[in-house]
Protein backbone atom coordinates (compact mmCIF):
# COMPACT_ATOMS: atom_id res chain seq x y z
CA MET A 1 48.95 105.45 94.19
CA SER A 2 52.38 104.03 93.65
CA GLN A 3 53.23 101.14 95.31
CA PRO A 4 56.38 101.36 97.82
CA ASN A 5 59.76 99.48 96.42
CA GLU A 6 61.42 97.09 98.38
CA SER A 7 63.52 99.44 99.98
CA GLU A 8 60.52 101.73 101.23
CA ILE A 9 58.72 98.48 103.06
CA ILE A 10 58.86 98.89 106.72
CA TYR A 11 57.24 95.77 108.45
CA VAL A 12 56.27 96.29 111.91
CA ASP A 13 55.78 93.52 114.74
CA ILE A 14 52.19 93.99 115.26
CA THR A 15 52.52 92.71 119.05
CA SER A 16 54.92 95.32 119.87
CA GLY A 17 54.53 98.20 117.14
CA VAL A 18 58.48 97.97 116.69
CA PRO A 19 59.90 98.17 113.26
CA GLN A 20 61.05 94.85 111.76
CA LYS A 21 63.82 94.94 109.02
CA ASN A 22 65.68 92.82 107.10
CA LYS A 23 62.42 90.69 106.24
CA PRO A 24 63.08 90.23 102.75
CA THR A 25 59.92 88.96 100.69
CA PRO A 26 59.02 85.85 98.59
CA GLY A 27 59.64 87.65 95.17
CA THR A 28 62.91 89.15 96.48
CA ILE A 29 64.49 85.92 97.80
CA ILE A 30 63.58 84.24 94.22
CA LYS A 31 65.08 87.54 92.62
CA HIS A 32 68.73 86.69 94.67
CA VAL A 33 68.48 83.03 93.95
CA LEU A 34 67.85 83.24 90.09
CA LEU A 35 71.07 85.67 90.60
CA PHE A 36 73.01 83.27 92.48
CA ILE A 37 72.05 80.48 90.12
CA ALA A 38 73.40 82.63 86.85
CA THR A 39 76.32 83.29 88.87
CA PHE A 40 77.15 79.67 89.18
CA ALA A 41 76.83 78.80 85.82
CA SER A 42 78.67 82.15 84.63
CA VAL A 43 81.51 81.20 86.41
CA ALA A 44 81.30 77.53 86.05
CA VAL A 45 81.31 77.95 82.14
CA MET A 46 84.18 80.75 82.12
CA GLY A 47 86.32 79.04 84.79
CA GLY A 48 86.11 75.86 83.32
CA VAL A 49 86.66 77.08 79.43
CA PHE A 50 89.82 79.62 80.18
CA PHE A 51 91.42 78.13 83.51
CA VAL A 52 90.56 74.93 85.17
CA GLY A 53 89.08 72.56 82.36
CA HIS A 54 90.69 69.68 81.53
CA THR A 55 91.42 70.59 77.48
CA ALA A 56 93.42 67.33 76.50
CA GLY A 57 90.70 65.09 74.83
CA ALA A 58 87.96 67.76 75.64
CA GLU A 59 85.49 67.47 72.95
CA SER A 60 82.87 70.21 73.72
CA ILE A 61 82.62 72.95 76.49
CA THR A 62 80.82 70.25 78.34
CA ASP A 63 83.73 68.41 79.09
CA LEU A 64 85.52 71.49 80.18
CA VAL A 65 82.96 72.52 82.43
CA LEU A 66 81.81 69.38 84.46
CA TRP A 67 83.41 68.69 86.79
CA GLU A 68 86.47 71.09 87.29
CA GLY A 69 84.56 74.54 86.19
CA VAL A 70 81.53 73.30 88.58
CA LEU A 71 83.97 73.02 91.45
CA PHE A 72 85.95 76.17 91.02
CA ALA A 73 82.38 77.89 90.63
CA PHE A 74 81.68 76.20 93.79
CA LEU A 75 84.49 77.29 95.90
CA LEU A 76 84.45 81.06 94.65
CA LEU A 77 80.79 81.25 95.28
CA LEU A 78 81.40 79.70 98.59
CA PHE A 79 83.85 82.33 99.66
CA LEU A 80 81.89 85.22 98.14
CA GLY A 81 78.41 84.03 100.17
CA VAL A 82 80.32 83.54 102.78
CA HIS A 83 81.82 87.72 102.48
CA GLU A 84 78.82 88.68 101.66
CA PHE A 85 76.70 87.34 104.45
CA GLY A 86 78.95 88.16 107.00
CA HIS A 87 78.25 91.74 105.91
CA TYR A 88 74.69 90.85 106.18
CA PHE A 89 74.32 89.35 109.24
CA ALA A 90 76.35 91.77 110.91
CA ALA A 91 73.69 94.58 109.59
CA VAL A 92 70.99 92.30 111.06
CA TYR A 93 72.43 92.00 114.90
CA HIS A 94 72.61 96.04 114.10
CA ARG A 95 69.03 96.06 112.83
CA VAL A 96 70.42 98.14 110.12
CA SER A 97 68.37 97.90 107.04
CA ALA A 98 70.36 95.68 104.29
CA SER A 99 69.39 93.77 101.10
CA LEU A 100 70.41 90.13 100.19
CA PRO A 101 73.64 89.74 98.59
CA TYR A 102 73.27 90.23 95.11
CA PHE A 103 75.76 88.23 92.95
CA ILE A 104 76.43 89.52 89.59
CA PRO A 105 77.11 87.13 86.79
CA LEU A 106 79.22 88.91 84.00
CA PRO A 107 79.96 85.96 81.17
CA LEU A 108 82.20 86.75 78.42
CA VAL A 109 83.31 90.09 79.72
CA SER A 110 84.99 88.87 83.31
CA PRO A 111 87.14 86.07 82.54
CA ILE A 112 86.02 84.19 85.93
CA GLY A 113 82.40 85.08 84.93
CA THR A 114 81.73 87.63 87.59
CA LEU A 115 82.39 90.89 89.44
CA GLY A 116 81.76 89.55 92.59
CA ALA A 117 78.63 90.23 95.04
CA VAL A 118 77.37 92.93 96.83
CA ILE A 119 74.95 93.85 99.49
CA LYS A 120 73.26 97.56 99.61
CA ILE A 121 72.67 99.09 102.72
CA LYS A 122 69.63 100.85 102.85
CA GLU A 123 69.79 103.47 105.48
CA ARG A 124 72.68 105.63 106.90
CA ILE A 125 74.96 104.49 109.58
CA ASN A 126 74.82 106.65 112.43
CA ASP A 127 78.00 105.51 114.36
CA THR A 128 81.18 104.01 114.41
CA ILE A 129 80.39 100.94 116.18
CA LYS A 130 77.97 99.70 113.91
CA LEU A 131 79.81 101.05 110.57
CA TYR A 132 83.06 98.82 111.91
CA ASP A 133 81.18 96.07 112.72
CA ILE A 134 79.49 95.49 109.45
CA GLY A 135 82.61 96.60 107.44
CA ILE A 136 84.82 93.82 109.04
CA SER A 137 82.26 91.25 109.31
CA GLY A 138 82.62 90.26 105.67
CA PRO A 139 86.69 90.58 105.35
CA LEU A 140 87.22 88.42 108.07
CA ALA A 141 84.88 85.57 107.56
CA GLY A 142 85.80 85.41 103.62
CA PHE A 143 89.66 85.50 104.66
CA VAL A 144 88.87 82.32 106.99
CA VAL A 145 87.11 80.83 103.83
CA ALA A 146 89.57 81.62 101.26
CA LEU A 147 93.09 80.54 103.34
CA GLY A 148 90.99 77.51 104.31
CA ILE A 149 90.49 76.46 100.52
CA LEU A 150 94.51 77.52 99.76
CA LEU A 151 95.83 75.39 102.53
CA TYR A 152 93.42 72.37 101.49
CA GLY A 153 94.34 73.15 97.86
CA PHE A 154 98.20 72.86 98.85
CA ALA A 155 97.44 70.02 101.50
CA THR A 156 96.03 67.89 98.50
CA LEU A 157 97.97 68.74 95.10
CA PRO A 158 98.21 66.25 92.61
CA GLY A 159 101.84 64.95 91.14
CA PRO A 160 103.10 66.62 88.04
CA GLU A 161 100.91 64.25 85.72
CA PHE A 162 98.15 66.32 86.99
CA LEU A 163 99.42 68.73 84.28
CA ASN A 164 98.78 65.88 81.58
CA ASN A 165 95.14 66.97 81.33
CA PHE A 166 95.74 69.98 79.91
CA GLU A 167 97.07 70.39 76.00
CA GLN A 168 100.77 71.24 75.47
CA HIS A 169 101.81 70.87 78.95
CA GLU A 170 104.07 67.49 78.41
CA GLU A 171 107.19 69.74 78.21
CA ILE A 172 106.73 70.61 81.51
CA VAL A 173 105.40 67.29 82.85
CA ASP A 174 108.75 65.64 81.72
CA TYR A 175 111.04 68.60 83.08
CA VAL A 176 109.53 68.02 86.55
CA LEU A 177 109.85 64.15 86.72
CA GLN A 178 113.33 64.84 85.60
CA HIS A 179 114.70 67.59 87.50
CA GLY A 180 111.57 67.31 90.79
CA SER A 181 110.66 70.94 90.24
CA PHE A 182 108.87 73.10 88.12
CA PRO A 183 111.33 74.95 85.79
CA GLU A 184 112.31 78.91 86.90
CA ASP A 185 111.28 79.98 83.69
CA PRO A 186 107.77 79.45 81.39
CA ILE A 187 107.71 76.63 79.12
CA ALA A 188 105.52 77.59 76.61
CA PRO A 189 104.71 76.36 72.91
CA GLU A 190 106.66 79.28 70.19
CA GLY A 191 104.14 82.56 70.05
CA SER A 192 101.86 81.07 72.80
CA GLU A 193 100.58 83.97 75.63
CA LEU A 194 100.81 82.80 79.25
CA ILE A 195 98.94 84.07 81.81
CA PHE A 196 100.34 85.24 85.28
CA PHE A 197 99.13 85.35 88.81
CA GLY A 198 100.95 87.98 91.19
CA GLU A 199 102.50 86.57 93.80
CA THR A 200 101.75 88.06 97.36
CA LEU A 201 103.31 87.82 100.88
CA LEU A 202 100.65 85.46 102.33
CA TYR A 203 100.62 83.10 99.59
CA THR A 204 104.36 82.93 98.63
CA ALA A 205 104.81 82.15 102.09
CA ILE A 206 102.20 79.45 102.33
CA ALA A 207 103.61 78.02 98.87
CA SER A 208 107.25 77.92 100.37
CA PHE A 209 106.31 75.14 102.47
CA TYR A 210 105.54 72.63 99.50
CA ASP A 211 108.23 71.62 97.07
CA ASN A 212 105.45 70.55 94.46
CA ALA A 213 103.85 73.90 94.76
CA PRO A 214 103.33 75.42 90.51
CA PRO A 215 104.70 78.41 89.17
CA MET A 216 102.06 81.50 88.97
CA TRP A 217 102.06 80.77 85.55
CA GLU A 218 100.64 77.41 86.13
CA MET A 219 98.85 77.76 89.45
CA TYR A 220 95.34 78.54 87.50
CA HIS A 221 94.70 75.23 86.67
CA TYR A 222 94.19 73.79 90.10
CA PRO A 223 91.08 75.05 91.17
CA PHE A 224 91.53 75.23 94.83
CA LEU A 225 94.62 77.19 94.35
CA LEU A 226 92.99 79.81 92.10
CA ALA A 227 89.98 80.18 94.03
CA GLY A 228 91.79 80.82 97.14
CA TRP A 229 94.34 82.96 95.61
CA LEU A 230 91.11 84.75 94.03
CA GLY A 231 89.41 85.14 97.60
CA LEU A 232 92.53 86.12 99.38
CA PHE A 233 92.68 88.89 96.38
CA PHE A 234 89.01 90.21 96.62
CA THR A 235 89.34 90.55 100.31
CA ALA A 236 92.26 92.38 99.94
CA LEU A 237 90.79 94.82 97.57
CA ASN A 238 87.52 95.36 99.30
CA LEU A 239 90.13 96.30 102.40
CA MET A 240 91.92 98.92 100.40
CA PRO A 241 91.49 101.82 102.69
CA VAL A 242 89.31 104.51 101.14
CA GLY A 243 85.53 105.64 100.70
CA GLN A 244 82.79 103.47 101.29
CA LEU A 245 84.74 99.76 101.02
CA ASP A 246 85.38 97.71 103.76
CA GLY A 247 88.96 98.88 104.71
CA GLY A 248 87.72 102.30 104.55
CA HIS A 249 85.14 101.55 107.49
CA ILE A 250 87.05 99.76 109.40
CA LEU A 251 90.07 102.37 108.92
CA TYR A 252 87.64 105.21 109.68
CA ALA A 253 86.47 103.66 112.90
CA LEU A 254 90.11 102.81 114.10
CA ILE A 255 91.37 106.49 113.48
CA GLY A 256 88.82 109.06 112.92
CA PHE A 257 87.52 111.04 109.89
CA LYS A 258 90.49 113.85 109.90
CA ARG A 259 93.33 110.92 110.25
CA HIS A 260 91.58 108.56 107.42
CA GLN A 261 91.35 111.56 105.04
CA MET A 262 95.01 111.47 104.94
CA VAL A 263 95.96 107.97 104.64
CA ALA A 264 93.13 107.69 101.91
CA ARG A 265 94.34 110.67 99.93
CA ALA A 266 97.95 109.13 100.19
CA PHE A 267 96.75 105.86 98.97
CA PHE A 268 94.72 107.36 96.16
CA GLY A 269 98.09 108.68 94.95
CA LEU A 270 100.04 105.00 95.11
CA VAL A 271 97.12 103.72 92.73
CA VAL A 272 97.11 106.27 90.73
CA THR A 273 101.06 105.99 90.66
CA PHE A 274 100.47 101.93 89.86
CA ALA A 275 98.27 102.74 86.91
CA GLY A 276 100.85 105.10 85.71
CA PHE A 277 103.43 102.13 85.07
CA ALA A 278 100.90 100.65 82.88
CA LEU A 279 99.60 104.16 80.93
CA LEU A 280 103.01 106.13 80.84
CA PRO A 281 104.89 103.37 78.35
CA LEU A 282 101.68 102.95 76.39
CA LEU A 283 100.80 106.62 75.65
CA ASP A 284 104.67 107.14 74.83
CA ALA A 285 104.39 104.22 72.26
CA LEU A 286 101.16 105.78 70.96
CA SER A 287 102.76 109.10 70.79
CA ALA A 288 105.74 108.16 69.27
CA ARG A 289 103.79 105.90 66.48
CA PHE A 290 101.80 108.52 65.54
CA ILE A 291 103.75 111.61 66.17
CA GLY A 292 107.40 110.43 65.83
CA SER A 293 110.18 109.67 68.02
CA GLY A 294 111.98 112.11 70.07
CA PHE A 295 110.37 114.12 72.62
CA SER A 296 107.74 112.16 74.83
CA PHE A 297 104.43 113.62 73.79
CA GLY A 298 103.35 110.73 75.64
CA TRP A 299 104.63 112.05 79.11
CA ILE A 300 102.84 115.23 78.45
CA LEU A 301 99.83 113.80 77.97
CA TRP A 302 100.32 111.77 81.28
CA ALA A 303 101.43 114.59 83.29
CA LEU A 304 98.15 116.17 82.08
CA LEU A 305 96.04 113.46 82.60
CA SER A 306 97.19 112.36 86.27
CA PHE A 307 97.05 116.13 87.30
CA GLY A 308 93.35 116.37 86.19
CA VAL A 309 92.46 113.07 88.11
CA PHE A 310 94.34 114.16 91.27
CA ARG A 311 92.44 117.80 91.00
CA LYS A 312 88.90 115.86 90.96
CA ALA A 313 89.41 113.42 93.46
CA TYR A 314 91.06 116.07 96.08
CA PHE A 315 87.94 118.82 95.54
CA GLY A 316 90.78 120.81 94.18
CA HIS A 317 92.61 121.09 96.71
CA GLN A 318 95.68 122.88 95.87
CA GLY A 319 98.66 121.61 98.05
CA TRP A 320 96.92 117.96 98.28
CA THR A 321 96.86 118.01 94.31
CA LEU A 322 100.19 119.56 93.50
CA TRP A 323 102.66 117.30 96.14
CA VAL A 324 100.64 114.25 95.34
CA TRP A 325 100.90 114.79 91.17
CA LEU A 326 104.63 115.88 91.57
CA ILE A 327 105.80 112.43 93.49
CA SER A 328 103.69 110.10 91.70
CA LEU A 329 104.70 111.42 88.24
CA ALA A 330 108.21 111.45 89.95
CA VAL A 331 108.14 107.98 90.74
CA ASN A 332 106.44 107.03 87.05
CA THR A 333 109.08 109.13 85.12
CA VAL A 334 112.27 107.45 87.61
CA ILE A 335 110.77 104.12 86.83
CA TRP A 336 110.29 104.17 83.38
CA ASN A 337 113.28 105.26 82.46
CA LEU A 338 115.38 103.17 84.47
CA THR A 339 113.71 100.15 83.10
CA GLY A 340 113.68 101.01 79.88
CA ASP A 341 110.97 97.87 78.77
CA THR A 342 107.86 98.63 77.26
CA SER A 343 106.44 95.36 78.70
CA PHE A 344 107.28 96.62 82.08
CA GLY A 345 103.67 98.33 83.08
CA SER A 346 101.67 95.30 81.30
CA GLY A 347 100.88 93.87 84.87
CA TYR A 348 99.82 97.28 86.31
CA GLY A 349 96.81 97.51 84.07
CA VAL A 350 93.95 96.60 86.30
CA TRP A 351 95.14 100.04 88.88
CA VAL A 352 93.43 101.81 85.66
CA MET A 353 90.31 100.33 86.35
CA PHE A 354 91.12 100.52 90.22
CA THR A 355 91.50 104.36 89.52
CA LEU A 356 88.16 105.11 87.98
CA PHE A 357 86.56 102.28 90.36
CA ILE A 358 87.69 104.93 93.26
CA LEU A 359 87.32 108.01 91.62
CA TYR A 360 83.60 107.75 90.48
CA PHE A 361 82.20 104.92 92.29
CA VAL A 362 83.36 104.44 95.87
CA LYS A 363 85.35 107.74 96.28
CA ILE A 364 88.37 108.58 98.44
CA GLU A 365 87.06 109.93 101.87
CA HIS A 366 84.70 108.00 103.93
CA PRO A 367 81.37 110.37 104.60
CA PRO A 368 81.35 111.34 108.58
CA VAL A 369 78.99 109.55 110.95
CA TYR A 370 77.23 111.18 113.58
CA TYR A 371 78.76 109.68 116.17
CA GLU A 372 82.22 108.69 116.48
CA GLN A 373 82.83 106.10 119.64
CA GLU A 374 85.95 104.69 120.94
CA LEU A 375 86.58 100.76 120.06
CA ASP A 376 87.12 98.25 122.32
CA PRO A 377 90.57 96.78 122.67
CA VAL A 378 89.36 93.69 121.19
CA ARG A 379 87.67 95.25 118.03
CA LYS A 380 91.03 97.58 117.75
CA VAL A 381 92.92 94.47 117.43
CA LEU A 382 91.03 92.81 114.83
CA GLY A 383 90.70 96.18 113.17
CA TRP A 384 94.88 96.36 112.87
CA LEU A 385 94.98 92.72 111.82
CA THR A 386 92.29 93.09 108.69
CA MET A 387 94.78 95.92 107.84
CA LEU A 388 97.60 93.33 107.83
CA ILE A 389 95.38 90.80 105.76
CA PHE A 390 95.32 93.72 103.27
CA ILE A 391 99.03 94.13 103.17
CA LEU A 392 99.81 90.34 103.25
CA CYS A 393 97.14 89.53 99.93
CA ILE A 394 97.31 92.63 98.02
CA SER A 395 99.54 92.28 94.88
CA PRO A 396 101.01 95.35 92.67
CA THR A 397 100.82 93.00 89.61
CA PRO A 398 98.01 90.70 90.10
CA ILE A 399 97.22 89.48 86.75
CA PHE A 400 98.61 90.00 83.27
CA ILE A 401 99.76 88.06 79.90
CA GLN A 402 103.10 87.53 78.47
């Protein structure tokens, strides 16, 4: 006889006979702790080597990881942990079976060493109150932590001499000392590449209060600024109003199934349009290289590819497929021709990944719940505030290399 797995175990209070949920076994706790430790080590190493580690005078990876990499890992995992435990404790409160947070280490593949963290809801949520509470608790808790990290980072910004801790930054330091501010255009050695983090409404508004705020092509050397920016951006990604993401749960509870379906489908059209800004120039360049210049086979290929994406996403619904496809393709074509710059779409590449992630994993439409209940005024206000947080913290071009 096979043994039940963790998701099949039901704990019963022998004094009352009431099933008890969310009582992890010691083995389960050890597994989650080991994943956390592995993720912490992965983030510390990757963050220290590629972003915050002091490269000037470093003789080994250990010099890069200690202490800047460890600090960055602590800050980022503090945000991730608070976010996921916000979901978990809301599930415990509503007696919905859920796993402990799974931290996901991804060294070498992810530049920050992790794909984040998730919890697994082990049963269907039957009403919108539970759906809303579990969905909103993570983003709100994580947002508070990420915002606090960011504000502390700005309040304690070191002087320009801080950048002397990194190789080939002497010219930038001299410029700041001479002019009292960072240069408008990046200063970098000939042939080198710079990492740009996209500006968001909230980050830019906060940075405007600090004269010594580093530009977005230097921000990633500062552990508190980088961890805070990532926390706010990850919060925004989770608040995308589609499928099984937190934003999908919240918006579904706010406006119901039918209206959410329309918003989610329209939002997916925007995501694919952003992906087109990256793929259309790339496909055109490839077609010109292998077929020759002139008529754009790359444009035709993107038109066919995007049509197939919309058709699959909208389950073959002709009206939605045709109209969203035409609008998206028209926007891509107009912007592409107006810019005339092959590097324009480099910052939008991440939306290709988001398109596939939504299409194949979280889906566009939220599955209906059995009982759609009216939210009370406090929940409605907090729900719309989280939608505002999404707008304030999202960036069309989050990370790109120039």
